[in-house]
Amino acid sequence: MDIIVQIVLVIVTTATSYFILKEIAGSTLWGAVGAICGLALGYVIIKLEDKLKDISLKIIFGSLVGVMISLMVAHLFISQLLLALVKDIPITLPIYILFYFIMGYLGFTIGKEKSKTLDLSKVPLLDKMESSEDVKILDTSTIIDGRIADICDTGFLEGTFIIPQFVLYEIQHIADHQDPIKRTRGRRGLDVLHRLQKQMFVKVKIVDYDFPKLQDVDSKLIALAKKMTGKLVTNDYNLNKVAELQGIEVLNINQLATSLKPAILPGEQMSIKILKEGKEYGQGIGYLDDGTMVVVDEARKLLGRQIDVVVTSVLQTTSGRMIFGKLKELADREFCYPEEMKVEEQAQ
């Protein structure tokens, strides 16, 4: 749809420029020059549109207000004060251009800077326009985890990702930590943010909203999600539950990963390596490729070996999935038919 509108825009600018310059100059050649100029104008407008999409509504609003006020001041200055003081000197077009340009430039720059302190939530119409985007607010755990960038690569998530300044400060603090493990996690979080900024399907915005009365980061995230009417993306179980209790829609990466794991039913066979002892007597523990824990009865004596296991049950918890099984030899022996047992006894 956007491409069709852009094509129509280029056709309109090209055709109108052709007829305008042809009527002014009275020549088809000048009409062709006008068509080229109109084509270039359409291209410039499309490029300008791409740049304006990345500018926040606050900055656009503040800049426009600044330009309007400055031009009004310039008009009053020239029409009232300057004409009254300087009666002998004619006010020509260059003087008008100079004053209007200087005042417009000052109004634009001042309005742009002052717009950063604006709170558009006080203006009902602008508040709705700002919150109408598909906003997703990322917390620290999601960014450091890193899987959010892989999900965005597939195109399953789109919209606008909001990174609050207080989350960015927390990641920076972790990246500067003396503990090498925490420092590595923090730096990975910063790398993930760089990856997200280069994504095609999502737009990343760093916002400077803060809530001085709230101390912890989780409370600030919940307050920001309410303010922006956005979804909260997190891996934190406690934050997930508290946010849901307050009516905030939550996207949990761990729940998504769990739902995407292939279903495993009792009776299926798998091959795993026993890596450590279990809590109960005789149990051995191994792991699938996706990190799912497999608890195997009577496998403690087979520590460090690759064995065949038959699944007996699957336990689904909020933190993940656990699989219980037993050795294939024991399972086959338990499920033997009487005729097979007689054959085995005769063979012995």
Protein backbone atom coordinates (compact mmCIF):
# COMPACT_ATOMS: atom_id res chain seq x y z
CA MET A 1 0.00 0.00 0.00
CA ASP A 2 2.82 2.41 0.85
CA ILE A 3 4.51 1.73 -2.50
CA ILE A 4 1.29 2.50 -4.41
CA VAL A 5 0.88 5.81 -2.56
CA GLN A 6 4.52 6.72 -3.27
CA ILE A 7 4.10 5.93 -6.99
CA VAL A 8 0.99 8.14 -7.11
CA LEU A 9 2.92 10.92 -5.35
CA VAL A 10 5.74 10.79 -7.92
CA ILE A 11 3.25 10.78 -10.83
CA VAL A 12 1.40 13.81 -9.40
CA THR A 13 4.59 15.84 -8.75
CA THR A 14 5.98 14.98 -12.21
CA ALA A 15 2.76 15.78 -14.12
CA THR A 16 1.95 19.00 -12.27
CA SER A 17 5.53 20.30 -12.58
CA TYR A 18 5.40 19.59 -16.33
CA PHE A 19 2.19 21.61 -16.87
CA ILE A 20 3.22 24.44 -14.51
CA LEU A 21 6.55 25.12 -16.21
CA LYS A 22 5.04 24.58 -19.68
CA GLU A 23 2.38 27.25 -19.05
CA ILE A 24 4.88 29.69 -17.54
CA ALA A 25 7.53 29.34 -20.27
CA GLY A 26 5.17 28.44 -23.11
CA SER A 27 7.44 25.66 -24.34
CA THR A 28 7.25 21.85 -24.31
CA LEU A 29 11.01 21.71 -23.68
CA TRP A 30 10.62 23.66 -20.44
CA GLY A 31 7.71 21.35 -19.59
CA ALA A 32 10.11 18.38 -19.85
CA VAL A 33 12.53 20.20 -17.52
CA GLY A 34 9.64 20.74 -15.11
CA ALA A 35 8.79 17.02 -15.26
CA ILE A 36 12.37 16.13 -14.32
CA CYS A 37 12.24 18.62 -11.44
CA GLY A 38 8.90 17.15 -10.31
CA LEU A 39 10.38 13.64 -10.39
CA ALA A 40 13.29 14.80 -8.25
CA LEU A 41 10.88 16.55 -5.88
CA GLY A 42 8.88 13.33 -5.43
CA TYR A 43 12.07 11.41 -4.66
CA VAL A 44 13.11 14.00 -2.07
CA ILE A 45 9.67 13.86 -0.42
CA ILE A 46 9.84 10.05 -0.13
CA LYS A 47 13.33 10.20 1.43
CA LEU A 48 12.17 12.94 3.79
CA GLU A 49 9.22 10.76 4.79
CA ASP A 50 11.58 7.90 5.73
CA LYS A 51 13.58 10.25 7.94
CA LEU A 52 10.47 11.71 9.60
CA LYS A 53 9.23 8.22 10.57
CA ASP A 54 12.20 7.85 12.93
CA ILE A 55 11.50 11.19 14.67
CA SER A 56 9.32 11.02 17.76
CA LEU A 57 6.01 12.87 17.91
CA LYS A 58 7.30 15.02 20.77
CA ILE A 59 10.18 16.44 18.71
CA ILE A 60 7.95 17.13 15.68
CA PHE A 61 5.34 18.84 17.84
CA GLY A 62 7.91 20.91 19.74
CA SER A 63 9.75 21.97 16.58
CA LEU A 64 6.55 23.04 14.80
CA VAL A 65 5.39 25.06 17.80
CA GLY A 66 8.82 26.71 18.04
CA VAL A 67 8.82 27.65 14.34
CA MET A 68 5.26 29.05 14.49
CA ILE A 69 5.99 31.22 17.54
CA SER A 70 9.27 32.49 16.11
CA LEU A 71 7.66 33.43 12.77
CA MET A 72 4.90 35.29 14.59
CA VAL A 73 7.54 37.19 16.59
CA ALA A 74 9.43 38.00 13.37
CA HIS A 75 6.24 39.30 11.72
CA LEU A 76 5.43 41.53 14.69
CA PHE A 77 9.03 42.76 14.86
CA ILE A 78 9.14 43.74 11.18
CA SER A 79 5.60 45.09 10.80
CA GLN A 80 5.44 47.02 14.06
CA LEU A 81 8.81 47.77 15.66
CA LEU A 82 11.19 47.90 12.69
CA LEU A 83 8.91 49.94 10.42
CA ALA A 84 8.24 52.40 13.25
CA LEU A 85 11.93 52.92 14.11
CA VAL A 86 13.42 52.88 10.62
CA LYS A 87 11.25 55.09 8.46
CA ASP A 88 13.82 56.27 5.95
CA ILE A 89 15.25 52.87 5.02
CA PRO A 90 12.99 50.80 2.77
CA ILE A 91 12.29 47.27 4.04
CA THR A 92 13.07 45.10 1.02
CA LEU A 93 12.58 41.37 0.38
CA PRO A 94 16.12 40.32 1.51
CA ILE A 95 15.51 41.91 4.92
CA TYR A 96 12.26 39.99 5.29
CA ILE A 97 14.00 36.74 4.30
CA LEU A 98 16.88 37.39 6.74
CA PHE A 99 14.63 38.05 9.75
CA TYR A 100 12.20 35.23 9.02
CA PHE A 101 15.01 32.73 8.42
CA ILE A 102 16.92 33.67 11.59
CA MET A 103 13.81 33.59 13.77
CA GLY A 104 12.57 30.36 12.16
CA TYR A 105 15.93 28.68 12.73
CA LEU A 106 16.05 29.78 16.37
CA GLY A 107 12.46 28.64 16.93
CA PHE A 108 13.18 25.23 15.37
CA THR A 109 16.31 24.53 17.42
CA ILE A 110 14.86 25.81 20.71
CA GLY A 111 11.58 23.95 20.15
CA LYS A 112 13.46 20.74 19.35
CA GLU A 113 15.49 20.90 22.57
CA LYS A 114 12.59 21.93 24.78
CA SER A 115 10.35 19.19 23.32
CA LYS A 116 12.41 16.57 25.17
CA THR A 117 10.87 17.79 28.43
CA LEU A 118 7.30 17.69 27.10
CA ASP A 119 4.79 15.23 28.54
CA LEU A 120 2.28 14.56 25.77
CA SER A 121 0.12 12.50 28.12
CA LYS A 122 -1.33 15.81 29.34
CA VAL A 123 -2.74 16.42 25.85
CA PRO A 124 -5.51 13.83 25.22
CA LEU A 125 -5.35 13.76 21.40
CA LEU A 126 -1.56 13.61 21.20
CA ASP A 127 -1.47 11.02 23.97
CA LYS A 128 -3.69 8.73 21.89
CA MET A 129 -1.55 9.27 18.83
CA GLU A 130 1.62 8.42 20.75
CA SER A 131 0.17 5.32 22.41
CA SER A 132 -1.48 3.94 19.25
CA GLU A 133 1.74 2.21 18.19
CA ASP A 134 2.30 -1.50 18.79
CA VAL A 135 4.56 -0.89 21.78
CA LYS A 136 6.57 -3.61 23.51
CA ILE A 137 8.65 -2.68 26.56
CA LEU A 138 11.78 -4.79 27.13
CA ASP A 139 13.17 -5.49 30.58
CA THR A 140 16.78 -6.23 31.55
CA SER A 141 16.39 -10.02 31.68
CA THR A 142 15.01 -10.19 28.13
CA ILE A 143 17.83 -8.08 26.68
CA ILE A 144 20.63 -9.96 28.47
CA ASP A 145 19.05 -13.32 27.55
CA GLY A 146 19.49 -12.46 23.86
CA ARG A 147 16.85 -14.77 22.35
CA ILE A 148 14.65 -11.75 21.59
CA ALA A 149 17.04 -10.80 18.77
CA ASP A 150 16.84 -14.30 17.26
CA ILE A 151 13.02 -14.17 17.37
CA CYS A 152 13.07 -10.78 15.61
CA ASP A 153 15.32 -12.23 12.90
CA THR A 154 12.51 -14.61 11.97
CA GLY A 155 9.96 -11.78 11.70
CA PHE A 156 7.57 -13.20 14.33
CA LEU A 157 7.76 -9.99 16.38
CA GLU A 158 7.18 -6.53 14.94
CA GLY A 159 6.25 -3.06 16.11
CA THR A 160 8.18 -0.70 18.37
CA PHE A 161 10.53 -1.89 21.10
CA ILE A 162 10.78 0.56 23.99
CA ILE A 163 14.03 0.60 25.99
CA PRO A 164 13.70 2.81 29.10
CA GLN A 165 16.76 4.75 30.19
CA PHE A 166 16.70 3.12 33.63
CA VAL A 167 16.96 -0.34 31.99
CA LEU A 168 19.84 0.90 29.85
CA TYR A 169 21.62 2.22 32.96
CA GLU A 170 21.13 -1.13 34.69
CA ILE A 171 22.66 -3.03 31.75
CA GLN A 172 25.57 -0.57 31.63
CA HIS A 173 26.10 -1.06 35.38
CA ILE A 174 26.20 -4.84 34.90
CA ALA A 175 28.64 -4.46 31.98
CA ASP A 176 30.99 -2.46 34.25
CA HIS A 177 30.78 -4.96 37.14
CA GLN A 178 33.96 -6.39 38.65
CA ASP A 179 32.60 -9.94 38.47
CA PRO A 180 33.69 -11.31 35.04
CA ILE A 181 30.51 -13.39 34.63
CA LYS A 182 28.21 -10.41 35.26
CA ARG A 183 30.41 -8.20 33.09
CA THR A 184 30.10 -10.68 30.20
CA ARG A 185 26.31 -10.81 30.61
CA GLY A 186 26.08 -7.01 30.58
CA ARG A 187 28.20 -6.69 27.46
CA ARG A 188 26.11 -9.34 25.75
CA GLY A 189 23.03 -7.25 26.57
CA LEU A 190 24.59 -4.20 24.90
CA ASP A 191 25.44 -6.32 21.83
CA VAL A 192 21.82 -7.53 21.69
CA LEU A 193 20.60 -3.92 21.70
CA HIS A 194 22.87 -3.15 18.73
CA ARG A 195 21.41 -6.18 16.90
CA LEU A 196 17.86 -5.03 17.60
CA GLN A 197 18.60 -1.54 16.24
CA LYS A 198 19.59 -3.12 12.92
CA GLN A 199 16.41 -5.20 12.62
CA MET A 200 14.06 -4.64 9.67
CA PHE A 201 10.84 -5.76 11.36
CA VAL A 202 11.08 -3.73 14.58
CA LYS A 203 11.92 -0.17 15.55
CA VAL A 204 13.88 0.50 18.74
CA LYS A 205 13.18 3.66 20.75
CA ILE A 206 15.05 4.67 23.89
CA VAL A 207 12.74 6.73 26.10
CA ASP A 208 13.66 8.94 29.02
CA TYR A 209 10.56 8.29 31.13
CA ASP A 210 11.33 7.96 34.82
CA PHE A 211 9.33 7.56 37.99
CA PRO A 212 11.33 9.09 40.87
CA LYS A 213 8.84 7.95 43.51
CA LEU A 214 9.43 4.29 42.56
CA GLN A 215 12.69 2.70 43.65
CA ASP A 216 13.04 -0.69 41.93
CA VAL A 217 13.22 -1.23 38.18
CA ASP A 218 10.32 -3.72 38.06
CA SER A 219 7.87 -1.18 39.51
CA LYS A 220 9.04 1.43 37.00
CA LEU A 221 8.53 -1.04 34.12
CA ILE A 222 4.96 -1.73 35.24
CA ALA A 223 4.24 2.01 35.58
CA LEU A 224 5.69 2.66 32.11
CA ALA A 225 3.62 -0.17 30.57
CA LYS A 226 0.47 1.39 32.05
CA LYS A 227 1.45 4.86 30.84
CA MET A 228 2.19 3.78 27.26
CA THR A 229 -0.51 1.07 27.12
CA GLY A 230 2.15 -1.36 25.93
CA LYS A 231 3.06 -5.02 26.32
CA LEU A 232 5.83 -6.06 28.70
CA VAL A 233 8.45 -8.51 27.39
CA THR A 234 10.25 -10.34 30.19
CA ASN A 235 11.81 -13.61 31.37
CA ASP A 236 11.29 -12.75 35.04
CA TYR A 237 8.64 -15.05 36.58
CA ASN A 238 7.80 -12.71 39.48
CA LEU A 239 7.56 -9.61 37.27
CA ASN A 240 5.36 -11.62 34.89
CA LYS A 241 2.86 -12.49 37.62
CA VAL A 242 2.79 -9.00 39.19
CA ALA A 243 2.26 -7.35 35.79
CA GLU A 244 -0.58 -9.74 34.89
CA LEU A 245 -2.26 -9.03 38.24
CA GLN A 246 -2.28 -5.33 37.30
CA GLY A 247 -3.87 -5.98 33.91
CA ILE A 248 -0.72 -5.64 31.77
CA GLU A 249 -0.26 -7.97 28.80
CA VAL A 250 3.01 -9.90 29.18
CA LEU A 251 5.11 -11.69 26.54
CA ASN A 252 7.35 -14.26 28.27
CA ILE A 253 10.24 -15.63 26.19
CA ASN A 254 10.54 -18.70 28.43
CA GLN A 255 6.88 -19.59 27.89
CA LEU A 256 7.35 -19.16 24.14
CA ALA A 257 10.39 -21.46 24.17
CA THR A 258 8.48 -24.06 26.21
CA SER A 259 5.52 -24.02 23.83
CA LEU A 260 7.82 -24.55 20.84
CA LYS A 261 9.46 -27.68 22.29
CA PRO A 262 8.37 -30.89 20.53
CA ALA A 263 5.80 -32.93 22.44
CA ILE A 264 7.14 -36.03 24.19
CA LEU A 265 4.68 -38.76 25.20
CA PRO A 266 5.05 -41.66 27.63
CA GLY A 267 6.38 -44.75 25.86
CA GLU A 268 8.71 -42.86 23.50
CA GLN A 269 12.38 -43.79 23.38
CA MET A 270 15.37 -41.46 23.46
CA SER A 271 19.12 -41.66 23.83
CA ILE A 272 20.80 -39.49 26.44
CA LYS A 273 24.07 -39.28 28.35
CA ILE A 274 23.90 -39.58 32.14
CA LEU A 275 25.81 -36.58 33.51
CA LYS A 276 25.14 -36.59 37.26
CA GLU A 277 23.39 -38.33 40.12
CA GLY A 278 19.78 -37.63 41.03
CA LYS A 279 18.28 -36.71 44.38
CA GLU A 280 16.61 -40.10 44.90
CA TYR A 281 18.52 -43.33 45.34
CA GLY A 282 19.64 -44.89 42.06
CA GLN A 283 18.55 -41.99 39.85
CA GLY A 284 20.69 -40.54 37.09
CA ILE A 285 20.17 -37.21 35.33
CA GLY A 286 20.78 -36.23 31.71
CA TYR A 287 19.69 -33.40 29.42
CA LEU A 288 18.19 -33.06 25.97
CA ASP A 289 19.68 -30.69 23.38
CA ASP A 290 17.16 -27.97 24.35
CA GLY A 291 18.17 -28.18 28.03
CA THR A 292 15.23 -30.28 29.25
CA MET A 293 16.15 -32.37 32.31
CA VAL A 294 15.64 -36.15 32.06
CA VAL A 295 15.52 -38.14 35.31
CA VAL A 296 16.21 -41.87 34.80
CA ASP A 297 15.59 -44.57 37.41
CA GLU A 298 18.36 -47.07 38.11
CA ALA A 299 20.83 -45.05 35.99
CA ARG A 300 23.19 -43.87 38.75
CA LYS A 301 25.59 -46.74 38.05
CA LEU A 302 25.77 -45.69 34.38
CA LEU A 303 27.22 -42.23 35.03
CA GLY A 304 29.04 -40.86 31.97
CA ARG A 305 27.52 -43.37 29.53
CA GLN A 306 25.12 -42.93 26.61
CA ILE A 307 22.01 -45.00 27.24
CA ASP A 308 18.57 -45.70 25.74
CA VAL A 309 15.65 -44.51 27.85
CA VAL A 310 11.88 -45.05 27.69
CA VAL A 311 9.75 -42.09 28.83
CA THR A 312 7.36 -42.90 31.67
CA SER A 313 5.95 -39.41 32.44
CA VAL A 314 6.36 -35.72 31.64
CA LEU A 315 6.01 -32.97 34.26
CA GLN A 316 5.23 -29.47 32.99
CA THR A 317 6.08 -26.60 35.38
CA THR A 318 6.11 -22.81 35.05
CA SER A 319 9.91 -22.85 34.86
CA GLY A 320 10.10 -25.58 32.23
CA ARG A 321 9.62 -29.28 31.60
CA MET A 322 10.98 -32.41 33.33
CA ILE A 323 10.98 -35.88 31.80
CA PHE A 324 11.02 -39.08 33.83
CA GLY A 325 12.07 -42.37 32.36
CA LYS A 326 13.66 -45.74 32.96
CA LEU A 327 16.26 -47.86 31.25
CA LYS A 328 15.05 -49.49 28.04
CA GLU A 329 16.07 -52.93 29.30
CA LEU A 330 13.98 -52.56 32.45
CA ALA A 331 11.01 -51.16 30.52
CA ASP A 332 11.11 -54.03 28.01
CA ARG A 333 11.23 -56.52 30.82
CA GLU A 334 8.20 -54.97 32.57
CA PHE A 335 6.09 -54.92 29.42
CA CYS A 336 6.94 -58.46 28.25
CA TYR A 337 4.02 -60.77 27.46
CA PRO A 338 3.76 -64.12 29.35
CA GLU A 339 4.75 -66.11 26.25
CA GLU A 340 7.89 -63.96 25.86
CA MET A 341 8.73 -64.47 29.55
CA LYS A 342 8.45 -68.29 29.13
CA VAL A 343 10.78 -68.16 26.11
CA GLU A 344 13.29 -66.11 28.14
CA GLU A 345 13.10 -68.57 31.08
CA GLN A 346 13.65 -71.54 28.77
CA ALA A 347 16.59 -69.76 27.14
CA GLN A 348 18.14 -69.22 30.56
